Amino acid sequence: MPFAPLGRYGCDPPLSLITTFLDKIKASESDIDVILMPGDFLRHGMSFNPDEPNTGDYSLLKQTIQQIASLIAKYFPDVIIIPTIGNNDSKIYF
């Protein structure tokens, strides 16, 4: 598979892209009160695949969400972070 430091369509973004994004925001925005962390930032089928029951990895999904939330909190320790849940962020397919 070719090297894709900025990710590729249909794949999760690499951690380096996320940290670069957070670096840019922190450098350009000094007065942030609230960050809305939208759902559905994980790939389809991570926790539930309607075509292949019992193949999802819900523990990996929870670990990934926690890792991203912790990373955002590290960059913005005094900012309120409001997470939302998307249709790919649960054990149930919507």
N, C-alpha and C. Protein backbone atom coordinates (compact mmCIF):
# COMPACT_ATOMS: atom_id res chain seq x y z
N MET A 1 0.85 -1.17 0.00
CA MET A 1 0.00 0.00 0.00
C MET A 1 0.90 1.24 0.00
N PRO A 2 0.59 2.26 -0.81
CA PRO A 2 1.44 3.45 -0.88
C PRO A 2 1.40 4.27 0.40
N PHE A 3 2.51 4.94 0.69
CA PHE A 3 2.62 5.81 1.86
C PHE A 3 1.64 6.96 1.71
N ALA A 4 0.83 7.22 2.75
CA ALA A 4 -0.17 8.29 2.70
C ALA A 4 -0.19 9.03 4.04
N PRO A 5 0.75 9.95 4.26
CA PRO A 5 0.84 10.62 5.56
C PRO A 5 -0.39 11.45 5.91
N LEU A 6 -1.17 11.84 4.92
CA LEU A 6 -2.39 12.60 5.18
C LEU A 6 -3.63 11.72 5.11
N GLY A 7 -3.45 10.43 5.07
CA GLY A 7 -4.58 9.51 4.99
C GLY A 7 -4.99 9.28 3.56
N ARG A 8 -6.03 8.50 3.40
CA ARG A 8 -6.59 8.25 2.07
C ARG A 8 -8.08 8.04 2.20
N TYR A 9 -8.80 8.26 1.15
CA TYR A 9 -10.25 8.13 1.16
C TYR A 9 -10.65 6.72 1.60
N GLY A 10 -11.63 6.66 2.52
CA GLY A 10 -12.13 5.38 2.99
C GLY A 10 -11.35 4.79 4.15
N CYS A 11 -10.33 5.50 4.64
CA CYS A 11 -9.51 5.01 5.74
C CYS A 11 -9.52 6.01 6.89
N ASP A 12 -9.21 5.53 8.07
CA ASP A 12 -9.08 6.43 9.20
C ASP A 12 -7.88 7.35 8.99
N PRO A 13 -7.95 8.60 9.48
CA PRO A 13 -6.79 9.48 9.35
C PRO A 13 -5.68 9.01 10.28
N PRO A 14 -4.44 9.15 9.87
CA PRO A 14 -3.33 8.77 10.75
C PRO A 14 -3.23 9.76 11.91
N LEU A 15 -2.66 9.30 13.02
CA LEU A 15 -2.50 10.14 14.20
C LEU A 15 -1.69 11.39 13.87
N SER A 16 -0.74 11.29 12.96
CA SER A 16 0.07 12.45 12.59
C SER A 16 -0.79 13.56 11.96
N LEU A 17 -1.82 13.20 11.21
CA LEU A 17 -2.71 14.20 10.63
C LEU A 17 -3.54 14.87 11.72
N ILE A 18 -4.01 14.09 12.68
CA ILE A 18 -4.81 14.64 13.77
C ILE A 18 -3.97 15.60 14.62
N THR A 19 -2.75 15.21 14.96
CA THR A 19 -1.90 16.09 15.76
C THR A 19 -1.51 17.36 15.00
N THR A 20 -1.29 17.23 13.69
CA THR A 20 -1.00 18.42 12.88
C THR A 20 -2.18 19.37 12.88
N PHE A 21 -3.37 18.82 12.74
CA PHE A 21 -4.60 19.60 12.77
C PHE A 21 -4.74 20.34 14.12
N LEU A 22 -4.52 19.62 15.22
CA LEU A 22 -4.63 20.23 16.55
C LEU A 22 -3.55 21.27 16.77
N ASP A 23 -2.34 21.02 16.27
CA ASP A 23 -1.26 22.02 16.35
C ASP A 23 -1.67 23.32 15.66
N LYS A 24 -2.24 23.21 14.48
CA LYS A 24 -2.65 24.39 13.70
C LYS A 24 -3.75 25.16 14.41
N ILE A 25 -4.72 24.44 14.97
CA ILE A 25 -5.81 25.11 15.68
C ILE A 25 -5.27 25.84 16.91
N LYS A 26 -4.44 25.15 17.69
CA LYS A 26 -3.88 25.75 18.91
C LYS A 26 -3.06 27.00 18.57
N ALA A 27 -2.32 26.97 17.47
CA ALA A 27 -1.49 28.11 17.08
C ALA A 27 -2.32 29.28 16.56
N SER A 28 -3.46 29.02 15.95
CA SER A 28 -4.22 30.10 15.31
C SER A 28 -5.42 30.58 16.13
N GLU A 29 -5.89 29.78 17.06
CA GLU A 29 -7.07 30.15 17.85
C GLU A 29 -6.70 30.19 19.33
N SER A 30 -6.72 31.37 19.93
CA SER A 30 -6.30 31.49 21.32
C SER A 30 -7.47 31.58 22.30
N ASP A 31 -8.67 31.74 21.79
CA ASP A 31 -9.81 31.95 22.67
C ASP A 31 -10.93 30.95 22.38
N ILE A 32 -10.69 29.68 22.68
CA ILE A 32 -11.68 28.63 22.45
C ILE A 32 -12.33 28.27 23.78
N ASP A 33 -13.65 28.30 23.82
CA ASP A 33 -14.39 27.96 25.03
C ASP A 33 -14.90 26.52 25.00
N VAL A 34 -15.35 26.08 23.82
CA VAL A 34 -16.00 24.77 23.68
C VAL A 34 -15.53 24.11 22.39
N ILE A 35 -15.31 22.80 22.47
CA ILE A 35 -15.01 22.02 21.27
C ILE A 35 -16.10 20.96 21.14
N LEU A 36 -16.77 20.95 20.01
CA LEU A 36 -17.75 19.91 19.71
C LEU A 36 -17.03 18.79 18.98
N MET A 37 -16.98 17.63 19.60
CA MET A 37 -16.30 16.47 19.02
C MET A 37 -17.36 15.63 18.32
N PRO A 38 -17.46 15.76 16.99
CA PRO A 38 -18.55 15.08 16.29
C PRO A 38 -18.38 13.57 16.27
N GLY A 39 -19.49 12.89 16.24
CA GLY A 39 -19.46 11.44 16.11
C GLY A 39 -19.10 11.05 14.69
N ASP A 40 -18.99 9.76 14.48
CA ASP A 40 -18.68 9.22 13.16
C ASP A 40 -17.30 9.61 12.64
N PHE A 41 -16.35 9.74 13.54
CA PHE A 41 -15.00 9.98 13.04
C PHE A 41 -14.22 8.67 12.96
N LEU A 42 -14.89 7.56 13.19
CA LEU A 42 -14.28 6.23 13.08
C LEU A 42 -14.80 5.55 11.83
N ARG A 43 -14.05 4.57 11.38
CA ARG A 43 -14.43 3.89 10.14
C ARG A 43 -15.69 3.05 10.33
N HIS A 44 -16.38 2.82 9.23
CA HIS A 44 -17.57 1.97 9.25
C HIS A 44 -17.18 0.54 9.64
N GLY A 45 -18.03 -0.09 10.42
CA GLY A 45 -17.83 -1.49 10.76
C GLY A 45 -16.86 -1.75 11.89
N MET A 46 -16.33 -0.69 12.53
CA MET A 46 -15.39 -0.94 13.61
C MET A 46 -16.09 -1.63 14.79
N SER A 47 -17.28 -1.14 15.15
CA SER A 47 -17.97 -1.75 16.28
C SER A 47 -19.08 -2.69 15.85
N PHE A 48 -19.57 -2.51 14.62
CA PHE A 48 -20.70 -3.32 14.16
C PHE A 48 -20.71 -3.34 12.65
N ASN A 49 -20.81 -4.49 12.09
CA ASN A 49 -20.90 -4.64 10.64
C ASN A 49 -22.21 -5.37 10.34
N PRO A 50 -23.20 -4.68 9.77
CA PRO A 50 -24.50 -5.32 9.54
C PRO A 50 -24.43 -6.51 8.59
N ASP A 51 -23.41 -6.56 7.76
CA ASP A 51 -23.27 -7.67 6.81
C ASP A 51 -22.59 -8.88 7.43
N GLU A 52 -21.85 -8.66 8.52
CA GLU A 52 -21.13 -9.75 9.19
C GLU A 52 -21.32 -9.62 10.71
N PRO A 53 -22.44 -10.12 11.24
CA PRO A 53 -22.70 -9.99 12.67
C PRO A 53 -21.56 -10.56 13.52
N ASN A 54 -21.38 -9.95 14.68
CA ASN A 54 -20.38 -10.35 15.68
C ASN A 54 -18.93 -10.22 15.19
N THR A 55 -18.68 -9.32 14.25
CA THR A 55 -17.31 -9.14 13.77
C THR A 55 -16.71 -7.81 14.21
N GLY A 56 -17.50 -6.92 14.80
CA GLY A 56 -17.00 -5.62 15.20
C GLY A 56 -16.12 -5.70 16.44
N ASP A 57 -15.38 -4.66 16.68
CA ASP A 57 -14.49 -4.59 17.84
C ASP A 57 -14.87 -3.36 18.66
N TYR A 58 -15.90 -3.52 19.49
CA TYR A 58 -16.41 -2.40 20.28
C TYR A 58 -15.37 -1.88 21.27
N SER A 59 -14.55 -2.75 21.83
CA SER A 59 -13.53 -2.30 22.78
C SER A 59 -12.50 -1.41 22.06
N LEU A 60 -12.16 -1.73 20.82
CA LEU A 60 -11.25 -0.88 20.04
C LEU A 60 -11.89 0.47 19.75
N LEU A 61 -13.18 0.46 19.46
CA LEU A 61 -13.90 1.71 19.21
C LEU A 61 -13.84 2.60 20.45
N LYS A 62 -14.14 2.05 21.63
CA LYS A 62 -14.11 2.83 22.87
C LYS A 62 -12.70 3.34 23.15
N GLN A 63 -11.71 2.50 22.94
CA GLN A 63 -10.31 2.89 23.16
C GLN A 63 -9.92 4.04 22.21
N THR A 64 -10.34 3.97 20.96
CA THR A 64 -10.01 5.00 19.98
C THR A 64 -10.66 6.32 20.34
N ILE A 65 -11.94 6.29 20.73
CA ILE A 65 -12.63 7.51 21.13
C ILE A 65 -11.93 8.13 22.35
N GLN A 66 -11.56 7.30 23.31
CA GLN A 66 -10.88 7.79 24.51
C GLN A 66 -9.53 8.40 24.15
N GLN A 67 -8.81 7.77 23.25
CA GLN A 67 -7.49 8.28 22.83
C GLN A 67 -7.63 9.65 22.18
N ILE A 68 -8.60 9.81 21.30
CA ILE A 68 -8.79 11.09 20.61
C ILE A 68 -9.26 12.16 21.60
N ALA A 69 -10.20 11.80 22.48
CA ALA A 69 -10.69 12.76 23.47
C ALA A 69 -9.55 13.20 24.39
N SER A 70 -8.70 12.27 24.81
CA SER A 70 -7.56 12.60 25.66
C SER A 70 -6.56 13.50 24.94
N LEU A 71 -6.35 13.24 23.67
CA LEU A 71 -5.45 14.06 22.87
C LEU A 71 -5.98 15.49 22.76
N ILE A 72 -7.27 15.64 22.50
CA ILE A 72 -7.86 16.98 22.41
C ILE A 72 -7.75 17.68 23.77
N ALA A 73 -8.02 16.95 24.85
CA ALA A 73 -7.93 17.53 26.20
C ALA A 73 -6.49 17.95 26.53
N LYS A 74 -5.51 17.22 26.01
CA LYS A 74 -4.10 17.58 26.23
C LYS A 74 -3.77 18.90 25.54
N TYR A 75 -4.28 19.08 24.33
CA TYR A 75 -4.03 20.32 23.59
C TYR A 75 -4.81 21.49 24.16
N PHE A 76 -6.02 21.23 24.66
CA PHE A 76 -6.91 22.27 25.14
C PHE A 76 -7.43 21.91 26.53
N PRO A 77 -6.56 21.97 27.56
CA PRO A 77 -6.93 21.48 28.89
C PRO A 77 -8.03 22.27 29.60
N ASP A 78 -8.22 23.53 29.23
CA ASP A 78 -9.21 24.36 29.91
C ASP A 78 -10.47 24.58 29.07
N VAL A 79 -10.65 23.76 28.04
CA VAL A 79 -11.78 23.91 27.13
C VAL A 79 -12.79 22.79 27.39
N ILE A 80 -14.06 23.13 27.33
CA ILE A 80 -15.12 22.13 27.47
C ILE A 80 -15.18 21.33 26.17
N ILE A 81 -15.15 20.01 26.29
CA ILE A 81 -15.24 19.13 25.12
C ILE A 81 -16.58 18.42 25.19
N ILE A 82 -17.39 18.58 24.15
CA ILE A 82 -18.71 17.96 24.09
C ILE A 82 -18.68 16.89 23.00
N PRO A 83 -18.66 15.62 23.40
CA PRO A 83 -18.67 14.55 22.39
C PRO A 83 -20.10 14.25 21.96
N THR A 84 -20.25 13.87 20.71
CA THR A 84 -21.53 13.40 20.20
C THR A 84 -21.34 12.00 19.65
N ILE A 85 -22.42 11.28 19.51
CA ILE A 85 -22.35 9.89 19.05
C ILE A 85 -22.93 9.81 17.64
N GLY A 86 -22.20 9.15 16.76
CA GLY A 86 -22.66 8.93 15.40
C GLY A 86 -23.12 7.50 15.21
N ASN A 87 -23.64 7.19 14.04
CA ASN A 87 -24.19 5.86 13.79
C ASN A 87 -23.11 4.77 13.74
N ASN A 88 -21.85 5.12 13.66
CA ASN A 88 -20.77 4.13 13.67
C ASN A 88 -20.11 4.00 15.03
N ASP A 89 -20.65 4.70 16.02
CA ASP A 89 -20.03 4.76 17.34
C ASP A 89 -20.77 3.93 18.40
N SER A 90 -21.46 2.91 17.99
CA SER A 90 -22.21 2.10 18.94
C SER A 90 -22.23 0.65 18.50
N LYS A 91 -22.80 -0.20 19.34
CA LYS A 91 -22.93 -1.61 18.98
C LYS A 91 -24.12 -1.85 18.06
N ILE A 92 -24.96 -0.83 17.94
CA ILE A 92 -26.18 -0.96 17.14
C ILE A 92 -26.02 -0.19 15.85
N TYR A 93 -26.43 -0.78 14.76
CA TYR A 93 -26.37 -0.12 13.46
C TYR A 93 -27.65 0.66 13.26
N PHE A 94 -27.54 1.97 13.00
CA PHE A 94 -28.73 2.82 12.81
C PHE A 94 -29.11 2.87 11.36
